[in-house]
C-alpha atoms as a PDB file:
ATOM      1  CA  MET A   1      48.177  83.610 120.057  1.00  0.00           C
ATOM      2  CA  ASN A   2      44.382  84.187 117.756  1.00  0.00           C
ATOM      3  CA  GLY A   3      42.963  83.108 121.497  1.00  0.00           C
ATOM      4  CA  GLU A   4      44.953  79.977 121.491  1.00  0.00           C
ATOM      5  CA  ARG A   5      47.878  79.338 124.396  1.00  0.00           C
ATOM      6  CA  HIS A   6      51.389  78.218 122.610  1.00  0.00           C
ATOM      7  CA  THR A   7      54.941  77.948 123.859  1.00  0.00           C
ATOM      8  CA  VAL A   8      57.763  78.321 122.336  1.00  0.00           C
ATOM      9  CA  GLU A   9      61.423  77.491 122.361  1.00  0.00           C
ATOM     10  CA  ALA A  10      63.467  80.418 121.553  1.00  0.00           C
ATOM     11  CA  ASP A  11      65.876  83.095 122.340  1.00  0.00           C
ATOM     12  CA  PRO A  12      63.761  86.042 124.302  1.00  0.00           C
ATOM     13  CA  ASP A  13      65.470  88.140 121.556  1.00  0.00           C
ATOM     14  CA  THR A  14      64.546  86.495 118.732  1.00  0.00           C
ATOM     15  CA  SER A  15      61.811  89.016 116.562  1.00  0.00           C
ATOM     16  CA  LEU A  16      58.016  87.815 116.763  1.00  0.00           C
ATOM     17  CA  LEU A  17      57.636  88.024 113.471  1.00  0.00           C
ATOM     18  CA  ASP A  18      60.605  85.430 113.161  1.00  0.00           C
ATOM     19  CA  VAL A  19      58.493  82.860 115.527  1.00  0.00           C
ATOM     20  CA  LEU A  20      55.105  84.029 114.288  1.00  0.00           C
ATOM     21  CA  ARG A  21      56.218  83.108 110.465  1.00  0.00           C
ATOM     22  CA  GLY A  22      59.488  80.337 111.573  1.00  0.00           C
ATOM     23  CA  ASP A  23      57.795  78.576 114.622  1.00  0.00           C
ATOM     24  CA  LEU A  24      53.995  79.021 114.531  1.00  0.00           C
ATOM     25  CA  GLY A  25      53.762  78.442 110.557  1.00  0.00           C
ATOM     26  CA  LEU A  26      51.873  81.941 110.689  1.00  0.00           C
ATOM     27  CA  VAL A  27      52.994  83.470 107.224  1.00  0.00           C
ATOM     28  CA  GLY A  28      50.238  85.903 106.574  1.00  0.00           C
ATOM     29  CA  SER A  29      52.283  88.621 108.222  1.00  0.00           C
ATOM     30  CA  ARG A  30      55.150  89.878 106.057  1.00  0.00           C
ATOM     31  CA  PHE A  31      58.514  90.745 106.550  1.00  0.00           C
ATOM     32  CA  GLY A  32      58.958  94.508 104.890  1.00  0.00           C
ATOM     33  CA  CYS A  33      61.299  96.805 106.183  1.00  0.00           C
ATOM     34  CA  GLY A  34      62.753  95.267 109.114  1.00  0.00           C
ATOM     35  CA  THR A  35      62.543  98.300 111.250  1.00  0.00           C
ATOM     36  CA  GLY A  36      58.996  98.624 112.200  1.00  0.00           C
ATOM     37  CA  LEU A  37      58.523 100.978 109.793  1.00  0.00           C
ATOM     38  CA  CYS A  38      56.439  99.665 106.581  1.00  0.00           C
ATOM     39  CA  GLY A  39      53.624  98.237 108.607  1.00  0.00           C
ATOM     40  CA  ALA A  40      53.260  94.838 106.376  1.00  0.00           C
ATOM     41  CA  CYS A  41      54.156  92.996 109.669  1.00  0.00           C
ATOM     42  CA  PHE A  42      51.861  94.412 112.046  1.00  0.00           C
ATOM     43  CA  VAL A  43      49.720  92.551 114.505  1.00  0.00           C
ATOM     44  CA  LEU A  44      47.921  93.012 117.624  1.00  0.00           C
ATOM     45  CA  LEU A  45      49.448  92.836 120.862  1.00  0.00           C
ATOM     46  CA  ASP A  46      46.890  93.462 123.473  1.00  0.00           C
ATOM     47  CA  GLY A  47      44.522  95.183 121.137  1.00  0.00           C
ATOM     48  CA  HIS A  48      47.704  97.679 120.010  1.00  0.00           C
ATOM     49  CA  PRO A  49      48.835  97.677 116.424  1.00  0.00           C
ATOM     50  CA  ALA A  50      52.525  96.322 116.547  1.00  0.00           C
ATOM     51  CA  PRO A  51      55.485  95.674 114.347  1.00  0.00           C
ATOM     52  CA  ALA A  52      56.498  92.357 114.479  1.00  0.00           C
ATOM     53  CA  CYS A  53      59.542  92.338 113.105  1.00  0.00           C
ATOM     54  CA  ASP A  54      60.868  95.078 115.934  1.00  0.00           C
ATOM     55  CA  VAL A  55      58.902  93.453 118.922  1.00  0.00           C
ATOM     56  CA  PRO A  56      61.634  90.844 120.941  1.00  0.00           C
ATOM     57  CA  LEU A  57      59.638  87.708 121.797  1.00  0.00           C
ATOM     58  CA  TRP A  58      60.176  88.703 125.633  1.00  0.00           C
ATOM     59  CA  SER A  59      58.156  91.856 124.806  1.00  0.00           C
ATOM     60  CA  ALA A  60      55.168  89.612 123.813  1.00  0.00           C
ATOM     61  CA  ALA A  61      55.443  86.966 126.488  1.00  0.00           C
ATOM     62  CA  GLY A  62      51.843  86.766 128.372  1.00  0.00           C
ATOM     63  CA  LYS A  63      50.192  89.524 125.794  1.00  0.00           C
ATOM     64  CA  ALA A  64      47.167  88.577 123.926  1.00  0.00           C
ATOM     65  CA  VAL A  65      48.591  88.322 119.997  1.00  0.00           C
ATOM     66  CA  THR A  66      46.436  88.437 116.970  1.00  0.00           C
ATOM     67  CA  THR A  67      47.822  88.153 113.528  1.00  0.00           C
ATOM     68  CA  VAL A  68      45.720  88.430 110.304  1.00  0.00           C
ATOM     69  CA  GLU A  69      45.422  85.249 110.289  1.00  0.00           C
ATOM     70  CA  GLY A  70      42.976  85.410 113.582  1.00  0.00           C
ATOM     71  CA  LEU A  71      41.054  88.436 111.527  1.00  0.00           C
ATOM     72  CA  ALA A  72      38.853  85.143 109.751  1.00  0.00           C
ATOM     73  CA  GLY A  73      35.159  85.931 109.946  1.00  0.00           C
ATOM     74  CA  HIS A  74      35.747  89.902 110.469  1.00  0.00           C
ATOM     75  CA  PRO A  75      33.673  92.254 108.460  1.00  0.00           C
ATOM     76  CA  LEU A  76      37.158  93.720 107.371  1.00  0.00           C
ATOM     77  CA  LEU A  77      37.824  90.417 105.057  1.00  0.00           C
ATOM     78  CA  PRO A  78      34.316  90.596 102.838  1.00  0.00           C
ATOM     79  CA  ALA A  79      34.578  94.544 102.031  1.00  0.00           C
ATOM     80  CA  PHE A  80      38.527  94.371 101.122  1.00  0.00           C
ATOM     81  CA  VAL A  81      37.264  91.888  98.600  1.00  0.00           C
ATOM     82  CA  ALA A  82      34.593  93.667  97.261  1.00  0.00           C
ATOM     83  CA  GLU A  83      36.457  97.540  96.868  1.00  0.00           C
ATOM     84  CA  GLN A  84      39.564  95.204  95.521  1.00  0.00           C
ATOM     85  CA  ALA A  85      41.889  96.708  98.083  1.00  0.00           C
ATOM     86  CA  ALA A  86      44.349  93.962  98.232  1.00  0.00           C
ATOM     87  CA  GLN A  87      46.496  94.997  94.477  1.00  0.00           C
ATOM     88  CA  CYS A  88      49.484  93.030  95.006  1.00  0.00           C
ATOM     89  CA  GLY A  89      48.301  92.111  98.545  1.00  0.00           C
ATOM     90  CA  TYR A  90      51.748  92.723 100.558  1.00  0.00           C
ATOM     91  CA  CYS A  91      50.959  94.830 102.665  1.00  0.00           C
ATOM     92  CA  VAL A  92      47.405  94.463 103.275  1.00  0.00           C
ATOM     93  CA  SER A  93      47.866  91.957 106.426  1.00  0.00           C
ATOM     94  CA  GLY A  94      49.218  94.744 108.696  1.00  0.00           C
ATOM     95  CA  VAL A  95      46.520  96.829 107.009  1.00  0.00           C
ATOM     96  CA  LEU A  96      43.770  94.474 107.903  1.00  0.00           C
ATOM     97  CA  VAL A  97      45.476  94.172 111.216  1.00  0.00           C
ATOM     98  CA  SER A  98      45.287  98.414 111.902  1.00  0.00           C
ATOM     99  CA  ALA A  99      42.074  98.697 110.450  1.00  0.00           C
ATOM    100  CA  ALA A 100      40.795  95.901 113.146  1.00  0.00           C
ATOM    101  CA  ALA A 101      42.323  97.572 116.144  1.00  0.00           C
ATOM    102  CA  LEU A 102      40.512 101.007 114.757  1.00  0.00           C
ATOM    103  CA  LEU A 103      37.638  99.255 114.157  1.00  0.00           C
ATOM    104  CA  ALA A 104      37.467  97.955 117.640  1.00  0.00           C
ATOM    105  CA  ARG A 105      38.039 101.169 119.300  1.00  0.00           C
ATOM    106  CA  GLU A 106      35.515 103.815 117.086  1.00  0.00           C
ATOM    107  CA  PRO A 107      33.042 101.033 115.477  1.00  0.00           C
ATOM    108  CA  HIS A 108      31.807 104.052 112.938  1.00  0.00           C
ATOM    109  CA  PRO A 109      34.864 105.952 112.188  1.00  0.00           C
ATOM    110  CA  ASP A 110      34.917 108.830 109.377  1.00  0.00           C
ATOM    111  CA  GLU A 111      37.367 108.709 106.501  1.00  0.00           C
ATOM    112  CA  GLU A 112      39.684 111.481 108.222  1.00  0.00           C
ATOM    113  CA  ALA A 113      39.679 108.249 111.341  1.00  0.00           C
ATOM    114  CA  VAL A 114      40.581 105.550 108.938  1.00  0.00           C
ATOM    115  CA  LYS A 115      43.279 107.571 106.870  1.00  0.00           C
ATOM    116  CA  GLY A 116      44.745 108.142 110.256  1.00  0.00           C
ATOM    117  CA  ALA A 117      44.696 104.711 111.544  1.00  0.00           C
ATOM    118  CA  LEU A 118      46.390 103.822 107.797  1.00  0.00           C
ATOM    119  CA  ASP A 119      48.706 106.198 107.652  1.00  0.00           C
ATOM    120  CA  ARG A 120      51.909 103.760 108.623  1.00  0.00           C
ATOM    121  CA  HIS A 121      51.301 101.467 105.867  1.00  0.00           C
ATOM    122  CA  LEU A 122      53.415 101.679 103.208  1.00  0.00           C
ATOM    123  CA  CYS A 123      51.599 100.388 100.129  1.00  0.00           C
ATOM    124  CA  ARG A 124      53.706 100.504  96.646  1.00  0.00           C
ATOM    125  CA  CYS A 125      50.477  99.892  94.365  1.00  0.00           C
ATOM    126  CA  GLY A 126      48.342 102.700  95.244  1.00  0.00           C
ATOM    127  CA  ALA A 127      45.418 100.951  96.633  1.00  0.00           C
ATOM    128  CA  HIS A 128      45.132 103.230 100.103  1.00  0.00           C
ATOM    129  CA  GLY A 129      41.931 104.527  98.610  1.00  0.00           C
ATOM    130  CA  ARG A 130      40.119 101.352  97.967  1.00  0.00           C
ATOM    131  CA  MET A 131      41.376 100.272 101.693  1.00  0.00           C
ATOM    132  CA  VAL A 132      39.878 103.476 103.025  1.00  0.00           C
ATOM    133  CA  ARG A 133      36.555 102.636 101.348  1.00  0.00           C
ATOM    134  CA  ALA A 134      36.811  99.179 102.416  1.00  0.00           C
ATOM    135  CA  VAL A 135      37.197 100.066 105.857  1.00  0.00           C
ATOM    136  CA  LEU A 136      34.608 102.159 106.048  1.00  0.00           C
ATOM    137  CA  ARG A 137      32.208  99.610 104.187  1.00  0.00           C
ATOM    138  CA  ALA A 138      33.160  96.926 107.019  1.00  0.00           C
ATOM    139  CA  ALA A 139      32.318  99.758 109.275  1.00  0.00           C
ATOM    140  CA  GLY A 140      28.961 100.014 108.088  1.00  0.00           C
ATOM    141  CA  ALA A 141      28.163  96.483 108.009  1.00  0.00           C
END
């Protein structure tokens, strides 16, 4: 978990999101739809974005899990601030995680690649344009 080993006593079918928020106190990942469709709860599992609300604990065992808290120091954070890309902030933790995965596999994406990476994230504020600009800014940093 964010580069550290953790042992958790929980039912193997408990959602990863419940363990993150309840047992580990990592509350950056948000509960949104509960079905893995909105993107608010996304984390990285072995470097790939995944909805933590829809991942049972047994499925995450032994995998590297990165939450938004694990992105401290990432160039995405100042870029999101500079572009004012977090209007209400509810979806932003999942967006940041997906954007970090994109930049890890494609350090200099074009606008279409960024839009594709963020497509699964539901933003009700309409800040998607600013988020895309922020990811492109971070890619240029």
